[in-house]
């Protein structure tokens, strides 16, 4: 048989297979959603070039909690914010909905072969070794470290403010918080004192500074297209590109990885030696190394995986917390009444602490502060820094629904059959604004919902690991460091709001929710300058009683 006939036969088989699959697989054509903007790009330009979650909220309002949209070349994808469907995907069937390969390669380039890259049984192995470092007692023990780091920052602010004519100063909040949380993660997670607050930026700090905005802000059509087609490229080829590519963004990720891995290698050696001598510390990484040394041979992490965990902890525990706290202070600056009420509770507790002869808040003090807890929860609900996550169905499945879908043909369905391979955008931000869960004012920042029963009295199936929010995800892939993050937020907000008054500046109206895998505050037209959120800070006055 001649080559032309063989090629023609092969092409015919491929076309026949595609036609067969199209007409025999489960169809999503009747699920409501936006019209495709173009065959090549579908709706992805709108989704990925808007501000973080802007399109999610728009589609949720127009089409509901399950939205079909078009990806490249007419491919159907789903955006889901329905609580029952998300609970099924993340908790009941977690490993049946793995990460999309193009997203895994980003995890690989950013953090190596750590827990964010791992899937299935591999992920179970990673999680088992890492959990001992993030239990409730371990996380609570880090409170004094968090308090010390934020106090160092507030002392710097005090000095700057006291030396200014206006007795106030304009601070770029994300830059300061990035330095303070970098110090906090260094000491709590690795027993390393980076000294970032004192401007002693080390090589590692410089590598991670403004990384996400530099890499992922304002993606071009070409970048969105390349991200979309990477799912067709074998992982080994993508790895080769990551290790050898000349693209500036790829080079930045690779160089950051080299620096972080170098630090991790030295840490693993040092901590293993200390543990062998019986001198192990209680920082997260020491506990991780110890758990790994005690694990069965099959369960142990390789050296490469241990190095990747360090990069993952550094990224997740620094970047996300700094940005979350930045959004928290922004929302408080916009609402002086909420800020004042929060400060009042902080100072009442402070008086109790001093009266009993202590100088620092304990975890019991923080947990007893109901309004502060409500504000923390509302920040996490309203400003989820990780606003979307991406999964796909590894088999044909049926999604349960809290709210029925009225299809394009008018049929009402209470569960949704989905085909194997369907790609899913789980919208954390839209779930956190779901009116069935959080009330009709879900798009407003209102801590009161956590005190008046609007949020807590809902009886729907629990999804998230904290306060039924999706901010830390849930199920088998729930964030293992969520306690660490919440306690750090409590410590930072208690110190900052207790001492300072926050106000908006001229640039505040131009703040963007920059979508760069994480939601970063930037100023419109100035994304190239990295994270920006300029607030005017002054020392909060005290009454005679205080």
Protein backbone atom coordinates (compact mmCIF):
# COMPACT_ATOMS: atom_id res chain seq x y z
CA UNK A 1 0.00 0.00 0.00
CA UNK A 2 1.46 3.38 -0.96
CA UNK A 3 2.24 6.03 1.72
CA UNK A 4 -0.45 8.41 0.47
CA UNK A 5 -3.14 5.76 0.96
CA UNK A 6 -1.82 4.96 4.44
CA UNK A 7 -1.86 8.66 5.41
CA UNK A 8 -5.34 9.16 3.98
CA UNK A 9 -6.59 6.12 5.86
CA UNK A 10 -5.09 7.37 9.11
CA UNK A 11 -6.67 10.82 8.70
CA UNK A 12 -10.03 9.20 7.94
CA UNK A 13 -9.80 7.10 11.12
CA UNK A 14 -8.94 10.17 13.21
CA UNK A 15 -11.87 12.14 11.77
CA UNK A 16 -14.23 9.20 12.24
CA UNK A 17 -13.11 8.81 15.85
CA UNK A 18 -13.65 12.51 16.56
CA UNK A 19 -17.12 12.42 14.97
CA UNK A 20 -17.99 9.29 16.96
CA UNK A 21 -16.82 10.86 20.22
CA UNK A 22 -18.70 14.08 19.51
CA UNK A 23 -22.02 12.33 18.97
CA UNK A 24 -21.70 9.60 21.61
CA UNK A 25 -20.11 11.44 24.53
CA UNK A 26 -22.18 13.32 27.07
CA UNK A 27 -23.12 16.70 25.63
CA UNK A 28 -23.03 19.97 27.57
CA UNK A 29 -24.48 22.03 24.71
CA UNK A 30 -27.74 22.62 26.61
CA UNK A 31 -26.05 24.09 29.70
CA UNK A 32 -26.48 27.89 29.81
CA UNK A 33 -23.47 30.08 29.14
CA UNK A 34 -22.10 32.98 27.07
CA UNK A 35 -21.90 32.88 23.29
CA UNK A 36 -18.42 32.18 21.99
CA UNK A 37 -16.51 35.30 20.98
CA UNK A 38 -14.54 33.37 18.33
CA UNK A 39 -13.86 29.78 17.32
CA UNK A 40 -10.13 30.02 18.02
CA UNK A 41 -10.18 31.81 21.39
CA UNK A 42 -13.72 31.09 22.58
CA UNK A 43 -14.44 33.03 25.80
CA UNK A 44 -10.97 32.73 27.35
CA UNK A 45 -9.82 36.28 26.50
CA UNK A 46 -12.69 37.68 28.57
CA UNK A 47 -12.00 35.20 31.36
CA UNK A 48 -8.24 35.66 31.66
CA UNK A 49 -7.74 39.30 30.67
CA UNK A 50 -10.30 40.72 33.12
CA UNK A 51 -9.60 41.60 36.73
CA UNK A 52 -9.58 38.62 39.09
CA UNK A 53 -13.03 36.96 39.24
CA UNK A 54 -14.71 39.84 37.39
CA UNK A 55 -15.95 37.48 34.67
CA UNK A 56 -16.83 34.81 37.26
CA UNK A 57 -19.23 37.21 39.00
CA UNK A 58 -20.69 38.40 35.69
CA UNK A 59 -21.38 34.86 34.43
CA UNK A 60 -22.71 33.71 37.80
CA UNK A 61 -25.24 36.59 37.79
CA UNK A 62 -26.29 35.88 34.20
CA UNK A 63 -26.26 32.07 34.03
CA UNK A 64 -26.15 30.69 37.58
CA UNK A 65 -23.70 28.54 39.50
CA UNK A 66 -22.87 26.21 36.58
CA UNK A 67 -21.78 27.92 33.37
CA UNK A 68 -20.70 26.36 30.09
CA UNK A 69 -18.17 28.44 28.17
CA UNK A 70 -15.96 27.90 25.16
CA UNK A 71 -12.21 27.43 25.33
CA UNK A 72 -9.84 27.21 22.34
CA UNK A 73 -11.24 25.73 19.12
CA UNK A 74 -14.80 25.42 20.44
CA UNK A 75 -13.98 23.16 23.40
CA UNK A 76 -16.66 23.17 26.10
CA UNK A 77 -15.54 23.88 29.66
CA UNK A 78 -17.50 24.45 32.86
CA UNK A 79 -17.22 27.17 35.48
CA UNK A 80 -18.71 25.89 38.74
CA UNK A 81 -19.63 27.70 41.95
CA UNK A 82 -22.52 25.43 43.01
CA UNK A 83 -21.84 24.23 46.62
CA UNK A 84 -23.08 20.66 46.13
CA UNK A 85 -21.09 20.21 42.92
CA UNK A 86 -17.92 21.61 44.51
CA UNK A 87 -18.38 19.45 47.61
CA UNK A 88 -18.61 16.41 45.32
CA UNK A 89 -15.57 17.40 43.26
CA UNK A 90 -13.25 18.28 46.14
CA UNK A 91 -14.42 16.22 49.11
CA UNK A 92 -16.37 13.16 47.97
CA UNK A 93 -14.45 12.42 44.78
CA UNK A 94 -11.23 14.42 45.18
CA UNK A 95 -8.76 12.25 43.30
CA UNK A 96 -11.26 11.57 40.50
CA UNK A 97 -10.94 15.25 39.58
CA UNK A 98 -7.18 15.80 39.21
CA UNK A 99 -5.40 19.01 38.33
CA UNK A 100 -5.21 19.91 34.66
CA UNK A 101 -1.80 19.10 33.19
CA UNK A 102 -1.14 22.65 31.98
CA UNK A 103 -1.71 23.87 35.54
CA UNK A 104 0.50 21.15 36.99
CA UNK A 105 3.37 22.27 34.77
CA UNK A 106 3.04 25.77 36.24
CA UNK A 107 3.28 24.24 39.73
CA UNK A 108 6.34 22.32 38.58
CA UNK A 109 8.05 25.44 37.23
CA UNK A 110 7.13 27.58 40.25
CA UNK A 111 7.67 25.13 43.09
CA UNK A 112 9.14 21.87 41.79
CA UNK A 113 7.79 18.36 42.46
CA UNK A 114 6.13 19.26 45.75
CA UNK A 115 2.65 18.72 47.13
CA UNK A 116 1.05 21.19 44.69
CA UNK A 117 2.41 19.19 41.74
CA UNK A 118 1.66 15.71 43.12
CA UNK A 119 -1.59 13.87 42.40
CA UNK A 120 -3.36 10.68 43.47
CA UNK A 121 -1.33 8.26 45.62
CA UNK A 122 1.70 10.48 45.19
CA UNK A 123 -0.23 13.37 46.76
CA UNK A 124 -1.32 11.15 49.68
CA UNK A 125 2.35 10.35 50.34
CA UNK A 126 3.35 14.03 50.30
CA UNK A 127 0.46 15.05 52.53
CA UNK A 128 1.18 12.34 55.13
CA UNK A 129 4.76 13.55 55.57
CA UNK A 130 3.80 17.25 55.67
CA UNK A 131 0.82 17.13 58.05
CA UNK A 132 2.83 16.89 61.31
CA UNK A 133 4.19 20.40 60.70
CA UNK A 134 0.74 21.99 60.37
CA UNK A 135 -1.36 20.59 63.20
CA UNK A 136 -3.34 22.85 65.56
CA UNK A 137 -0.78 22.81 68.43
CA UNK A 138 2.13 23.39 66.04
CA UNK A 139 0.39 26.31 64.33
CA UNK A 140 -0.62 27.95 67.63
CA UNK A 141 2.97 27.70 68.87
CA UNK A 142 4.05 30.10 66.08
CA UNK A 143 1.94 32.99 67.42
CA UNK A 144 4.88 34.70 69.22
CA UNK A 145 6.90 34.59 65.99
CA UNK A 146 4.09 36.26 64.03
CA UNK A 147 3.69 38.87 66.76
CA UNK A 148 7.41 39.63 66.75
CA UNK A 149 7.56 40.07 62.97
CA UNK A 150 4.56 42.40 62.71
CA UNK A 151 5.77 44.36 65.74
CA UNK A 152 9.10 44.94 63.98
CA UNK A 153 7.16 46.35 61.03
CA UNK A 154 4.92 48.53 63.20
CA UNK A 155 7.99 49.94 65.00
CA UNK A 156 9.36 51.01 61.60
CA UNK A 157 6.04 52.64 60.77
CA UNK A 158 6.03 54.46 64.11
CA UNK A 159 9.50 55.89 63.45
CA UNK A 160 8.58 57.08 59.96
CA UNK A 161 5.28 58.63 61.11
CA UNK A 162 6.80 60.38 64.14
CA UNK A 163 9.44 61.99 61.91
CA UNK A 164 6.92 63.30 59.38
CA UNK A 165 5.44 66.83 59.50
CA UNK A 166 1.90 65.54 58.92
CA UNK A 167 2.28 62.88 61.64
CA UNK A 168 1.20 60.37 59.00
CA UNK A 169 2.81 58.61 56.06
CA UNK A 170 1.73 56.94 52.83
CA UNK A 171 2.91 53.34 52.69
CA UNK A 172 2.83 50.84 49.83
CA UNK A 173 1.13 48.22 51.99
CA UNK A 174 1.94 45.06 49.95
CA UNK A 175 5.67 45.82 49.94
CA UNK A 176 5.78 46.16 53.72
CA UNK A 177 3.59 43.15 54.37
CA UNK A 178 5.59 41.07 51.90
CA UNK A 179 8.74 41.78 53.90
CA UNK A 180 7.06 41.08 57.26
CA UNK A 181 5.42 37.82 56.14
CA UNK A 182 8.68 36.76 54.49
CA UNK A 183 10.36 37.15 57.88
CA UNK A 184 7.49 35.27 59.55
CA UNK A 185 7.58 32.31 57.17
CA UNK A 186 11.37 32.21 57.39
CA UNK A 187 11.38 31.92 61.18
CA UNK A 188 8.26 29.78 61.70
CA UNK A 189 8.74 27.43 58.78
CA UNK A 190 12.52 27.21 58.53
CA UNK A 191 14.03 28.74 61.71
CA UNK A 192 15.82 31.30 59.50
CA UNK A 193 15.89 35.02 60.24
CA UNK A 194 15.76 36.78 56.89
CA UNK A 195 15.72 40.31 58.36
CA UNK A 196 13.65 41.71 55.50
CA UNK A 197 12.02 44.36 57.68
CA UNK A 198 15.46 45.83 58.36
CA UNK A 199 16.07 46.04 54.60
CA UNK A 200 18.58 43.21 54.73
CA UNK A 201 17.10 41.63 51.62
CA UNK A 202 18.82 38.40 50.79
CA UNK A 203 19.03 36.73 47.40
CA UNK A 204 15.99 34.57 48.12
CA UNK A 205 13.87 37.60 49.08
CA UNK A 206 14.82 39.44 45.89
CA UNK A 207 13.99 36.35 43.80
CA UNK A 208 10.47 36.11 45.20
CA UNK A 209 9.75 39.86 45.22
CA UNK A 210 6.92 40.85 42.80
CA UNK A 211 7.31 37.46 41.14
CA UNK A 212 3.64 36.82 40.36
CA UNK A 213 2.93 40.21 38.77
CA UNK A 214 6.13 40.00 36.73
CA UNK A 215 5.26 36.53 35.49
CA UNK A 216 1.50 36.47 35.04
CA UNK A 217 -0.05 39.97 35.09
CA UNK A 218 -1.82 41.24 31.93
CA UNK A 219 -1.44 38.09 29.80
CA UNK A 220 -1.37 38.66 26.05
CA UNK A 221 -3.57 36.75 23.61
CA UNK A 222 -0.49 34.76 22.61
CA UNK A 223 0.23 33.78 26.22
CA UNK A 224 -3.38 32.73 26.80
CA UNK A 225 -3.32 30.70 23.57
CA UNK A 226 -0.05 28.97 24.51
CA UNK A 227 -1.38 28.15 27.98
CA UNK A 228 -4.47 26.63 26.33
CA UNK A 229 -2.56 24.39 23.93
CA UNK A 230 -0.06 23.10 26.49
CA UNK A 231 -2.55 20.38 27.40
CA UNK A 232 -1.76 18.78 24.03
CA UNK A 233 1.99 18.81 24.71
CA UNK A 234 3.55 15.87 26.62
CA UNK A 235 4.77 16.73 30.12
CA UNK A 236 8.37 15.79 29.29
CA UNK A 237 8.48 18.29 26.44
CA UNK A 238 7.04 21.00 28.69
CA UNK A 239 9.65 20.14 31.32
CA UNK A 240 12.38 20.44 28.70
CA UNK A 241 11.04 23.84 27.70
CA UNK A 242 10.96 24.86 31.38
CA UNK A 243 14.56 23.76 31.88
CA UNK A 244 15.94 25.26 28.67
CA UNK A 245 13.51 27.88 27.34
CA UNK A 246 14.71 31.46 26.76
CA UNK A 247 11.37 33.16 27.39
CA UNK A 248 11.99 35.84 30.10
CA UNK A 249 9.14 34.56 32.27
CA UNK A 250 10.40 30.99 32.08
CA UNK A 251 13.94 32.17 32.85
CA UNK A 252 12.65 34.07 35.92
CA UNK A 253 10.85 30.98 37.25
CA UNK A 254 13.91 28.81 36.60
CA UNK A 255 16.33 31.22 38.29
CA UNK A 256 14.05 31.57 41.34
CA UNK A 257 13.87 27.78 41.55
CA UNK A 258 17.64 27.41 41.41
CA UNK A 259 18.13 29.91 44.25
CA UNK A 260 15.39 28.37 46.42
CA UNK A 261 16.61 24.82 45.82
CA UNK A 262 20.14 25.79 46.78
CA UNK A 263 18.88 27.16 50.12
CA UNK A 264 16.68 24.07 50.62
CA UNK A 265 19.59 21.66 50.08
CA UNK A 266 21.61 23.31 52.81
CA UNK A 267 18.60 23.34 55.15
CA UNK A 268 17.85 19.64 54.66
CA UNK A 269 21.48 18.77 55.43
CA UNK A 270 21.61 21.03 58.50
CA UNK A 271 18.28 19.88 59.95
CA UNK A 272 18.97 16.18 59.35
CA UNK A 273 22.31 16.55 61.15
CA UNK A 274 20.65 18.36 64.09
CA UNK A 275 17.96 15.70 64.35
CA UNK A 276 20.58 12.95 64.41
CA UNK A 277 22.23 14.80 67.29
CA UNK A 278 18.90 15.09 69.12
CA UNK A 279 18.79 18.87 68.71
CA UNK A 280 15.83 19.20 66.34
CA UNK A 281 13.93 22.50 66.26
CA UNK A 282 10.11 22.84 66.12
CA UNK A 283 9.91 24.82 62.90
CA UNK A 284 7.73 23.38 60.11
CA UNK A 285 10.60 22.20 57.96
CA UNK A 286 12.35 20.42 60.86
CA UNK A 287 9.11 18.59 61.65
CA UNK A 288 8.79 17.70 57.97
CA UNK A 289 12.36 16.36 57.76
CA UNK A 290 11.83 14.37 60.97
CA UNK A 291 8.55 12.89 59.69
CA UNK A 292 10.31 11.95 56.47
CA UNK A 293 13.19 10.28 58.34
CA UNK A 294 10.66 8.27 60.36
CA UNK A 295 8.54 7.27 57.36
CA UNK A 296 8.59 3.84 55.72
CA UNK A 297 10.87 3.54 52.71
CA UNK A 298 7.96 3.63 50.25
CA UNK A 299 6.45 6.69 51.91
CA UNK A 300 9.62 8.78 52.07
CA UNK A 301 10.00 11.91 50.00
CA UNK A 302 13.03 12.11 47.76
CA UNK A 303 15.55 14.92 48.24
CA UNK A 304 14.11 16.64 45.16
CA UNK A 305 10.62 16.45 46.68
CA UNK A 306 11.86 17.81 50.03
CA UNK A 307 13.46 20.77 48.26
CA UNK A 308 10.18 21.36 46.42
CA UNK A 309 8.24 21.39 49.70
CA UNK A 310 10.46 24.22 50.91
CA UNK A 311 9.70 26.22 47.77
CA UNK A 312 5.97 25.46 48.14
CA UNK A 313 5.84 26.54 51.79
CA UNK A 314 7.77 29.70 51.01
CA UNK A 315 5.50 30.62 48.11
CA UNK A 316 2.16 29.67 49.67
CA UNK A 317 2.96 30.98 53.14
CA UNK A 318 4.41 34.28 51.99
CA UNK A 319 2.78 35.44 48.75
CA UNK A 320 -0.81 34.54 49.62
CA UNK A 321 -0.72 35.85 53.20
CA UNK A 322 0.87 39.18 52.27
CA UNK A 323 -1.74 39.80 49.57
CA UNK A 324 -4.65 38.71 51.80
CA UNK A 325 -3.56 41.11 54.53
CA UNK A 326 -3.15 43.89 51.96
CA UNK A 327 -6.75 43.42 50.83
CA UNK A 328 -7.86 43.31 54.47
CA UNK A 329 -6.33 46.71 55.23
CA UNK A 330 -7.76 48.13 51.99
CA UNK A 331 -11.30 47.08 52.93
CA UNK A 332 -10.86 48.52 56.42
CA UNK A 333 -9.51 51.80 55.03
CA UNK A 334 -12.67 52.09 52.91
CA UNK A 335 -14.88 51.51 55.97
CA UNK A 336 -13.78 53.63 58.98
CA UNK A 337 -16.79 52.43 61.02
CA UNK A 338 -15.74 48.78 60.77
CA UNK A 339 -12.12 49.72 61.39
CA UNK A 340 -13.09 51.66 64.55
CA UNK A 341 -15.23 48.85 65.91
CA UNK A 342 -12.42 46.37 65.30
CA UNK A 343 -9.91 48.63 67.06
CA UNK A 344 -12.27 49.02 70.00
CA UNK A 345 -12.41 45.25 70.54
CA UNK A 346 -8.63 44.94 70.14
CA UNK A 347 -8.00 47.62 72.76
CA UNK A 348 -10.54 46.19 75.19
CA UNK A 349 -8.75 42.86 74.98
CA UNK A 350 -5.39 44.61 75.27
CA UNK A 351 -6.54 46.19 78.55
CA UNK A 352 -7.50 42.75 79.87
CA UNK A 353 -4.12 41.33 78.85
CA UNK A 354 -2.23 44.14 80.59
CA UNK A 355 -4.42 43.91 83.70
CA UNK A 356 -3.43 40.30 84.25
CA UNK A 357 0.25 41.20 83.91
CA UNK A 358 0.89 39.95 80.34
CA UNK A 359 2.29 41.94 77.44
CA UNK A 360 1.16 39.84 74.46
CA UNK A 361 -2.15 38.40 73.31
CA UNK A 362 -2.48 34.62 73.68
CA UNK A 363 -4.38 32.34 71.31
CA UNK A 364 -7.21 32.25 73.87
CA UNK A 365 -7.39 36.06 73.70
CA UNK A 366 -7.52 36.05 69.91
CA UNK A 367 -10.14 33.29 69.77
CA UNK A 368 -12.35 35.21 72.24
CA UNK A 369 -12.39 38.31 70.00
CA UNK A 370 -15.63 37.63 68.12
CA UNK A 371 -15.63 40.74 65.92
CA UNK A 372 -11.98 40.31 64.96
CA UNK A 373 -12.73 36.71 64.00
CA UNK A 374 -15.71 37.90 61.95
CA UNK A 375 -13.52 40.42 60.09
CA UNK A 376 -10.89 37.76 59.35
CA UNK A 377 -13.56 35.42 57.97
CA UNK A 378 -15.11 38.20 55.89
CA UNK A 379 -11.73 39.13 54.40
CA UNK A 380 -11.14 35.50 53.44
CA UNK A 381 -14.63 35.29 51.94
CA UNK A 382 -14.59 38.60 50.09
CA UNK A 383 -10.95 38.64 48.95
CA UNK A 384 -9.82 35.08 48.16
CA UNK A 385 -6.29 35.51 46.83
CA UNK A 386 -6.53 32.16 45.03
CA UNK A 387 -9.75 32.96 43.18
CA UNK A 388 -9.98 29.94 40.82
CA UNK A 389 -8.63 26.40 40.66
CA UNK A 390 -8.65 24.09 37.65
CA UNK A 391 -9.63 20.41 37.50
CA UNK A 392 -10.83 17.84 34.95
CA UNK A 393 -13.05 14.76 35.15
CA UNK A 394 -11.01 11.56 34.88
CA UNK A 395 -14.18 9.60 33.99
CA UNK A 396 -17.79 10.12 33.00
CA UNK A 397 -19.58 11.34 36.12
CA UNK A 398 -22.70 13.00 37.49
CA UNK A 399 -22.49 16.22 39.50
CA UNK A 400 -25.11 16.84 42.21
CA UNK A 401 -26.51 20.37 42.29
CA UNK A 402 -27.75 22.52 45.16
CA UNK A 403 -29.70 24.70 42.73
CA UNK A 404 -31.29 23.10 39.66
CA UNK A 405 -30.24 24.24 36.19
CA UNK A 406 -32.76 25.46 33.65
CA UNK A 407 -31.20 24.40 30.36
CA UNK A 408 -31.24 26.39 27.14
CA UNK A 409 -34.13 24.23 25.93
CA UNK A 410 -36.13 24.94 29.10
CA UNK A 411 -35.62 21.60 30.87
CA UNK A 412 -34.98 21.74 34.63
CA UNK A 413 -32.26 19.32 35.82
CA UNK A 414 -31.21 18.55 39.41
CA UNK A 415 -27.95 16.80 38.56
CA UNK A 416 -25.53 17.24 35.68
CA UNK A 417 -23.97 14.35 33.72
CA UNK A 418 -20.45 15.32 32.61
CA UNK A 419 -18.12 13.58 30.15
CA UNK A 420 -14.67 12.22 30.86
CA UNK A 421 -12.02 14.84 30.18
CA UNK A 422 -14.24 17.90 30.71
CA UNK A 423 -12.16 20.74 32.11
CA UNK A 424 -13.59 22.59 35.10
CA UNK A 425 -12.86 26.05 36.47
CA UNK A 426 -13.89 25.89 40.12
CA UNK A 427 -14.58 29.52 41.01
CA UNK A 428 -13.62 30.04 44.63
CA UNK A 429 -14.51 33.73 44.37
CA UNK A 430 -18.00 33.08 42.96
CA UNK A 431 -18.71 30.35 45.54
CA UNK A 432 -17.69 32.81 48.27
CA UNK A 433 -20.25 35.29 46.87
CA UNK A 434 -23.04 32.70 46.49
CA UNK A 435 -26.21 34.41 47.77
CA UNK A 436 -27.77 31.11 48.87
CA UNK A 437 -24.90 30.71 51.33
CA UNK A 438 -23.98 34.23 52.35
CA UNK A 439 -27.17 36.28 51.93
CA UNK A 440 -28.47 38.80 49.43
CA UNK A 441 -25.65 41.20 50.29
CA UNK A 442 -22.98 38.61 49.35
CA UNK A 443 -21.23 41.18 47.12
CA UNK A 444 -20.79 43.56 50.05
CA UNK A 445 -18.04 43.47 52.67
CA UNK A 446 -20.01 42.92 55.86
CA UNK A 447 -18.43 41.14 58.88
CA UNK A 448 -21.80 41.28 60.62
CA UNK A 449 -22.98 38.27 58.59
CA UNK A 450 -20.75 36.08 60.81
CA UNK A 451 -22.41 37.40 63.98
CA UNK A 452 -26.08 37.69 63.04
CA UNK A 453 -26.49 34.17 61.66
CA UNK A 454 -26.60 35.04 57.96
CA UNK A 455 -23.55 32.87 57.34
CA UNK A 456 -23.38 30.48 60.29
CA UNK A 457 -27.04 29.37 60.27
CA UNK A 458 -26.93 27.98 56.76
CA UNK A 459 -27.39 24.19 56.73
CA UNK A 460 -25.91 23.35 53.36
CA UNK A 461 -23.29 20.66 52.95
CA UNK A 462 -19.93 21.84 54.25
CA UNK A 463 -17.29 22.41 51.58
CA UNK A 464 -14.24 24.27 52.86
CA UNK A 465 -11.85 23.45 55.70
CA UNK A 466 -12.48 26.81 57.42
CA UNK A 467 -15.83 28.56 57.98
CA UNK A 468 -17.36 26.71 54.99
CA UNK A 469 -15.34 28.98 52.70
CA UNK A 470 -13.57 27.68 49.61
CA UNK A 471 -10.63 30.02 50.21
CA UNK A 472 -8.48 27.16 51.52
CA UNK A 473 -10.30 24.59 49.35
CA UNK A 474 -11.54 21.39 50.98
CA UNK A 475 -11.33 17.63 50.95
CA UNK A 476 -8.14 15.77 50.05
CA UNK A 477 -6.57 18.88 48.51
CA UNK A 478 -7.54 21.31 51.23
CA UNK A 479 -4.73 23.66 52.23
CA UNK A 480 -2.78 21.97 55.05
CA UNK A 481 -1.46 25.35 56.21
CA UNK A 482 -4.85 27.03 56.77
CA UNK A 483 -4.47 27.22 60.57
CA UNK A 484 -1.01 28.76 60.15
CA UNK A 485 -2.47 31.40 57.81
CA UNK A 486 -5.48 32.28 59.99
CA UNK A 487 -3.36 32.70 63.14
CA UNK A 488 -0.86 34.86 61.22
CA UNK A 489 -3.74 37.05 59.98
CA UNK A 490 -5.09 37.42 63.52
CA UNK A 491 -1.68 38.43 64.87
CA UNK A 492 -0.96 40.94 62.08
CA UNK A 493 -4.40 42.59 62.11
CA UNK A 494 -4.47 42.88 65.90
CA UNK A 495 -1.12 44.69 65.92
CA UNK A 496 -1.73 46.94 62.90
CA UNK A 497 -5.33 48.00 63.56
CA UNK A 498 -4.72 48.28 67.29
CA UNK A 499 -1.99 50.87 66.75
CA UNK A 500 -2.74 52.60 63.44
CA UNK A 501 -5.52 54.33 61.57
CA UNK A 502 -5.73 53.51 57.87
CA UNK A 503 -7.13 55.88 55.23
CA UNK A 504 -7.46 55.93 51.45
CA UNK A 505 -5.26 57.99 49.14
CA UNK A 506 -5.71 59.49 45.67
CA UNK A 507 -4.54 56.22 44.12
CA UNK A 508 -7.07 54.10 45.98
CA UNK A 509 -9.78 54.47 43.34
CA UNK A 510 -7.39 53.08 40.73
CA UNK A 511 -6.61 49.86 42.59
CA UNK A 512 -7.07 46.76 40.42
CA UNK A 513 -7.65 43.17 41.46
CA UNK A 514 -4.80 42.00 39.23
CA UNK A 515 -5.26 38.43 37.98
CA UNK A 516 -1.88 36.71 38.02
CA UNK A 517 -2.75 33.23 39.36
CA UNK A 518 -3.11 35.03 42.68
CA UNK A 519 -5.15 38.22 43.16
CA UNK A 520 -2.65 41.05 43.66
CA UNK A 521 -3.41 44.74 44.26
CA UNK A 522 -1.95 46.93 41.52
CA UNK A 523 -2.68 50.46 40.30
CA UNK A 524 -4.41 50.87 36.95
CA UNK A 525 -1.85 51.61 34.26
CA UNK A 526 1.06 50.79 36.58
CA UNK A 527 1.07 46.98 36.69
CA UNK A 528 4.72 46.98 35.58
CA UNK A 529 5.62 48.47 38.98
CA UNK A 530 4.36 45.36 40.75
CA UNK A 531 2.05 45.19 43.77
CA UNK A 532 0.77 48.61 44.82
CA UNK A 533 -1.77 49.63 47.43
CA UNK A 534 -1.03 53.09 48.80
CA UNK A 535 -2.70 53.87 52.14
CA UNK A 536 -2.20 56.80 54.48
CA UNK A 537 -1.28 55.55 57.94
CA UNK A 538 -1.33 57.52 61.18
CA UNK A 539 -1.11 56.56 64.84
CA UNK A 540 -4.61 55.83 66.12
CA UNK A 541 -5.51 58.18 69.00
CA UNK A 542 -6.25 56.75 72.41
CA UNK A 543 -8.94 57.86 74.85
CA UNK A 544 -8.19 58.75 78.45
CA UNK A 545 -9.48 55.33 79.55
CA UNK A 546 -6.95 53.65 77.26
